[in-house]
C-alpha cells in the first residue's frame, strides 16, 4: 500500500470514529433515503399513468423536469 493511501485510510478511520461525523452520516442517509423513496413513488405513478414502453422519451422528460409534481 502506498504511503499516501495509508495516510488517507488513517484519516478516514479517524473521521469515521468521530461522533459528529457519524451523526452527519446518519442525517445524510435519512435524507437520501427520503429522496430515493419519493423518486421511486414518482416512477411508479408514471408507470401507472402511462405505458412506459411506448412513451419512454416523454416519461423520462417529464420525470427529469419534475412536470408531474403535485405541490
N, C-alpha and C. Protein backbone atom coordinates (compact mmCIF):
# COMPACT_ATOMS: atom_id res chain seq x y z
N UNK A 1 0.86 -1.17 0.00
CA UNK A 1 0.00 0.00 0.00
C UNK A 1 0.90 1.23 0.00
N UNK A 2 0.59 2.20 -0.83
CA UNK A 2 1.42 3.39 -0.91
C UNK A 2 1.27 4.22 0.36
N UNK A 3 2.22 5.09 0.59
CA UNK A 3 2.22 5.96 1.78
C UNK A 3 0.98 6.86 1.79
N UNK A 4 0.67 7.45 0.65
CA UNK A 4 -0.47 8.37 0.59
C UNK A 4 -1.76 7.62 0.89
N UNK A 5 -1.92 6.45 0.30
CA UNK A 5 -3.12 5.66 0.55
C UNK A 5 -3.21 5.28 2.02
N UNK A 6 -2.10 4.92 2.61
CA UNK A 6 -2.06 4.56 4.03
C UNK A 6 -2.46 5.77 4.90
N UNK A 7 -1.92 6.94 4.59
CA UNK A 7 -2.27 8.14 5.35
C UNK A 7 -3.75 8.50 5.19
N UNK A 8 -4.25 8.42 3.97
CA UNK A 8 -5.65 8.73 3.72
C UNK A 8 -6.57 7.76 4.46
N UNK A 9 -6.20 6.49 4.47
CA UNK A 9 -7.01 5.49 5.16
C UNK A 9 -7.06 5.81 6.67
N UNK A 10 -5.95 6.24 7.22
CA UNK A 10 -5.92 6.64 8.63
C UNK A 10 -6.82 7.83 8.91
N UNK A 11 -6.81 8.81 8.00
CA UNK A 11 -7.67 9.99 8.16
C UNK A 11 -9.14 9.57 8.10
N UNK A 12 -9.49 8.71 7.17
CA UNK A 12 -10.87 8.26 7.06
C UNK A 12 -11.31 7.48 8.29
N UNK A 13 -10.43 6.65 8.82
CA UNK A 13 -10.78 5.88 10.02
C UNK A 13 -11.01 6.80 11.21
N UNK A 14 -10.15 7.82 11.37
CA UNK A 14 -10.33 8.76 12.48
C UNK A 14 -11.61 9.57 12.31
N UNK A 15 -11.89 9.97 11.10
CA UNK A 15 -13.11 10.74 10.86
C UNK A 15 -14.35 9.89 11.13
N UNK A 16 -14.30 8.63 10.72
CA UNK A 16 -15.44 7.74 10.93
C UNK A 16 -15.68 7.45 12.41
N UNK A 17 -14.65 7.56 13.22
CA UNK A 17 -14.79 7.32 14.65
C UNK A 17 -15.34 8.54 15.39
N UNK A 18 -15.39 9.68 14.74
CA UNK A 18 -15.87 10.92 15.35
C UNK A 18 -17.40 10.89 15.42
N UNK A 19 -17.98 11.06 16.61
CA UNK A 19 -19.44 11.02 16.74
C UNK A 19 -20.16 12.09 15.91
N UNK A 20 -19.55 13.26 15.72
CA UNK A 20 -20.18 14.30 14.90
C UNK A 20 -20.28 13.85 13.45
N UNK A 21 -19.24 13.20 12.97
CA UNK A 21 -19.25 12.70 11.60
C UNK A 21 -20.29 11.58 11.46
N UNK A 22 -20.39 10.75 12.47
CA UNK A 22 -21.39 9.68 12.44
C UNK A 22 -22.81 10.24 12.41
N UNK A 23 -23.07 11.28 13.20
CA UNK A 23 -24.39 11.92 13.19
C UNK A 23 -24.71 12.49 11.82
N UNK A 24 -23.74 13.18 11.24
CA UNK A 24 -23.94 13.78 9.92
C UNK A 24 -24.19 12.68 8.88
N UNK A 25 -23.50 11.56 9.00
CA UNK A 25 -23.69 10.45 8.07
C UNK A 25 -25.11 9.89 8.18
N UNK A 26 -25.61 9.77 9.40
CA UNK A 26 -26.96 9.26 9.60
C UNK A 26 -27.99 10.22 9.00
N UNK A 27 -27.81 11.52 9.23
CA UNK A 27 -28.72 12.51 8.67
C UNK A 27 -28.70 12.47 7.14
N UNK A 28 -27.51 12.31 6.57
CA UNK A 28 -27.37 12.25 5.12
C UNK A 28 -28.08 11.01 4.57
N UNK A 29 -27.90 9.88 5.22
CA UNK A 29 -28.55 8.65 4.76
C UNK A 29 -30.06 8.78 4.83
N UNK A 30 -30.58 9.38 5.88
CA UNK A 30 -32.03 9.57 6.01
C UNK A 30 -32.54 10.47 4.88
N UNK A 31 -31.82 11.54 4.60
CA UNK A 31 -32.22 12.46 3.53
C UNK A 31 -32.20 11.76 2.17
N UNK A 32 -31.14 11.02 1.91
CA UNK A 32 -31.02 10.32 0.63
C UNK A 32 -32.11 9.26 0.51
N UNK A 33 -32.39 8.55 1.59
CA UNK A 33 -33.44 7.54 1.58
C UNK A 33 -34.80 8.16 1.27
N UNK A 34 -35.08 9.30 1.87
CA UNK A 34 -36.34 10.01 1.62
C UNK A 34 -36.44 10.41 0.15
N UNK A 35 -35.36 10.95 -0.39
CA UNK A 35 -35.34 11.39 -1.79
C UNK A 35 -35.53 10.20 -2.73
N UNK A 36 -34.85 9.10 -2.46
CA UNK A 36 -34.99 7.92 -3.30
C UNK A 36 -36.40 7.35 -3.24
N UNK A 37 -37.00 7.38 -2.06
CA UNK A 37 -38.37 6.89 -1.91
C UNK A 37 -39.34 7.76 -2.71
N UNK A 38 -39.17 9.07 -2.62
CA UNK A 38 -40.03 9.98 -3.38
C UNK A 38 -39.87 9.76 -4.88
N UNK A 39 -38.64 9.57 -5.32
CA UNK A 39 -38.39 9.34 -6.74
C UNK A 39 -39.00 8.02 -7.18
N UNK A 40 -38.87 6.98 -6.37
CA UNK A 40 -39.47 5.68 -6.71
C UNK A 40 -40.98 5.80 -6.79
N UNK A 41 -41.58 6.57 -5.89
CA UNK A 41 -43.03 6.78 -5.93
C UNK A 41 -43.44 7.48 -7.22
N UNK A 42 -42.64 8.47 -7.66
CA UNK A 42 -42.93 9.16 -8.91
C UNK A 42 -42.86 8.20 -10.09
N UNK A 43 -41.87 7.33 -10.09
CA UNK A 43 -41.71 6.37 -11.19
C UNK A 43 -42.91 5.43 -11.23
N UNK A 44 -43.34 4.96 -10.07
CA UNK A 44 -44.50 4.07 -10.02
C UNK A 44 -45.74 4.80 -10.52
N UNK A 45 -45.90 6.06 -10.11
CA UNK A 45 -47.04 6.85 -10.55
C UNK A 45 -47.05 7.02 -12.07
N UNK A 46 -45.88 7.31 -12.64
CA UNK A 46 -45.78 7.44 -14.09
C UNK A 46 -46.09 6.13 -14.79
N UNK A 47 -45.62 5.02 -14.21
CA UNK A 47 -45.85 3.72 -14.83
C UNK A 47 -47.33 3.37 -14.82
N UNK A 48 -48.04 3.82 -13.79
CA UNK A 48 -49.47 3.56 -13.73
C UNK A 48 -50.21 4.42 -14.75
N UNK A 49 -49.80 5.70 -14.86
CA UNK A 49 -50.46 6.65 -15.78
C UNK A 49 -50.26 6.28 -17.24
N UNK A 50 -49.05 5.93 -17.58
CA UNK A 50 -48.70 5.73 -18.99
C UNK A 50 -48.06 4.37 -19.19
N UNK A 51 -48.00 3.96 -20.43
CA UNK A 51 -47.26 2.76 -20.78
C UNK A 51 -45.82 3.17 -21.03
N UNK A 52 -44.91 2.95 -20.08
CA UNK A 52 -43.54 3.44 -20.23
C UNK A 52 -42.78 2.84 -21.41
N UNK A 53 -43.21 1.69 -21.88
CA UNK A 53 -42.52 1.07 -23.00
C UNK A 53 -42.75 1.88 -24.27
N UNK A 54 -43.95 2.41 -24.43
CA UNK A 54 -44.29 3.15 -25.64
C UNK A 54 -43.88 4.61 -25.56
N UNK A 55 -43.86 5.15 -24.37
CA UNK A 55 -43.62 6.58 -24.23
C UNK A 55 -42.39 6.86 -23.38
N UNK A 56 -41.31 6.17 -23.66
CA UNK A 56 -40.10 6.29 -22.85
C UNK A 56 -39.57 7.73 -22.85
N UNK A 57 -39.49 8.34 -24.02
CA UNK A 57 -38.96 9.69 -24.10
C UNK A 57 -39.79 10.70 -23.33
N UNK A 58 -41.10 10.63 -23.51
CA UNK A 58 -41.98 11.54 -22.80
C UNK A 58 -41.90 11.32 -21.30
N UNK A 59 -41.89 10.06 -20.89
CA UNK A 59 -41.87 9.73 -19.48
C UNK A 59 -40.59 10.24 -18.82
N UNK A 60 -39.46 9.98 -19.43
CA UNK A 60 -38.19 10.42 -18.85
C UNK A 60 -38.09 11.93 -18.83
N UNK A 61 -38.54 12.59 -19.89
CA UNK A 61 -38.52 14.04 -19.93
C UNK A 61 -39.37 14.64 -18.82
N UNK A 62 -40.54 14.08 -18.62
CA UNK A 62 -41.44 14.57 -17.59
C UNK A 62 -40.86 14.30 -16.20
N UNK A 63 -40.27 13.14 -16.03
CA UNK A 63 -39.67 12.78 -14.74
C UNK A 63 -38.50 13.69 -14.42
N UNK A 64 -37.65 13.95 -15.38
CA UNK A 64 -36.46 14.78 -15.15
C UNK A 64 -36.83 16.24 -14.93
N UNK A 65 -37.90 16.71 -15.57
CA UNK A 65 -38.26 18.12 -15.43
C UNK A 65 -39.13 18.36 -14.21
N UNK A 66 -39.60 17.29 -13.57
CA UNK A 66 -40.47 17.45 -12.42
C UNK A 66 -41.84 17.95 -12.82
N UNK A 67 -42.27 17.68 -14.02
CA UNK A 67 -43.52 18.19 -14.55
C UNK A 67 -44.76 17.62 -13.91
N UNK A 68 -44.63 16.59 -13.10
CA UNK A 68 -45.80 15.98 -12.51
C UNK A 68 -45.85 16.20 -10.99
N UNK A 69 -45.09 17.17 -10.49
CA UNK A 69 -45.11 17.47 -9.06
C UNK A 69 -46.48 17.98 -8.66
N UNK A 70 -46.97 17.52 -7.55
CA UNK A 70 -48.31 17.92 -7.10
C UNK A 70 -48.22 18.84 -5.90
N UNK A 71 -47.41 19.89 -6.00
CA UNK A 71 -47.27 20.84 -4.90
C UNK A 71 -48.19 22.00 -5.07
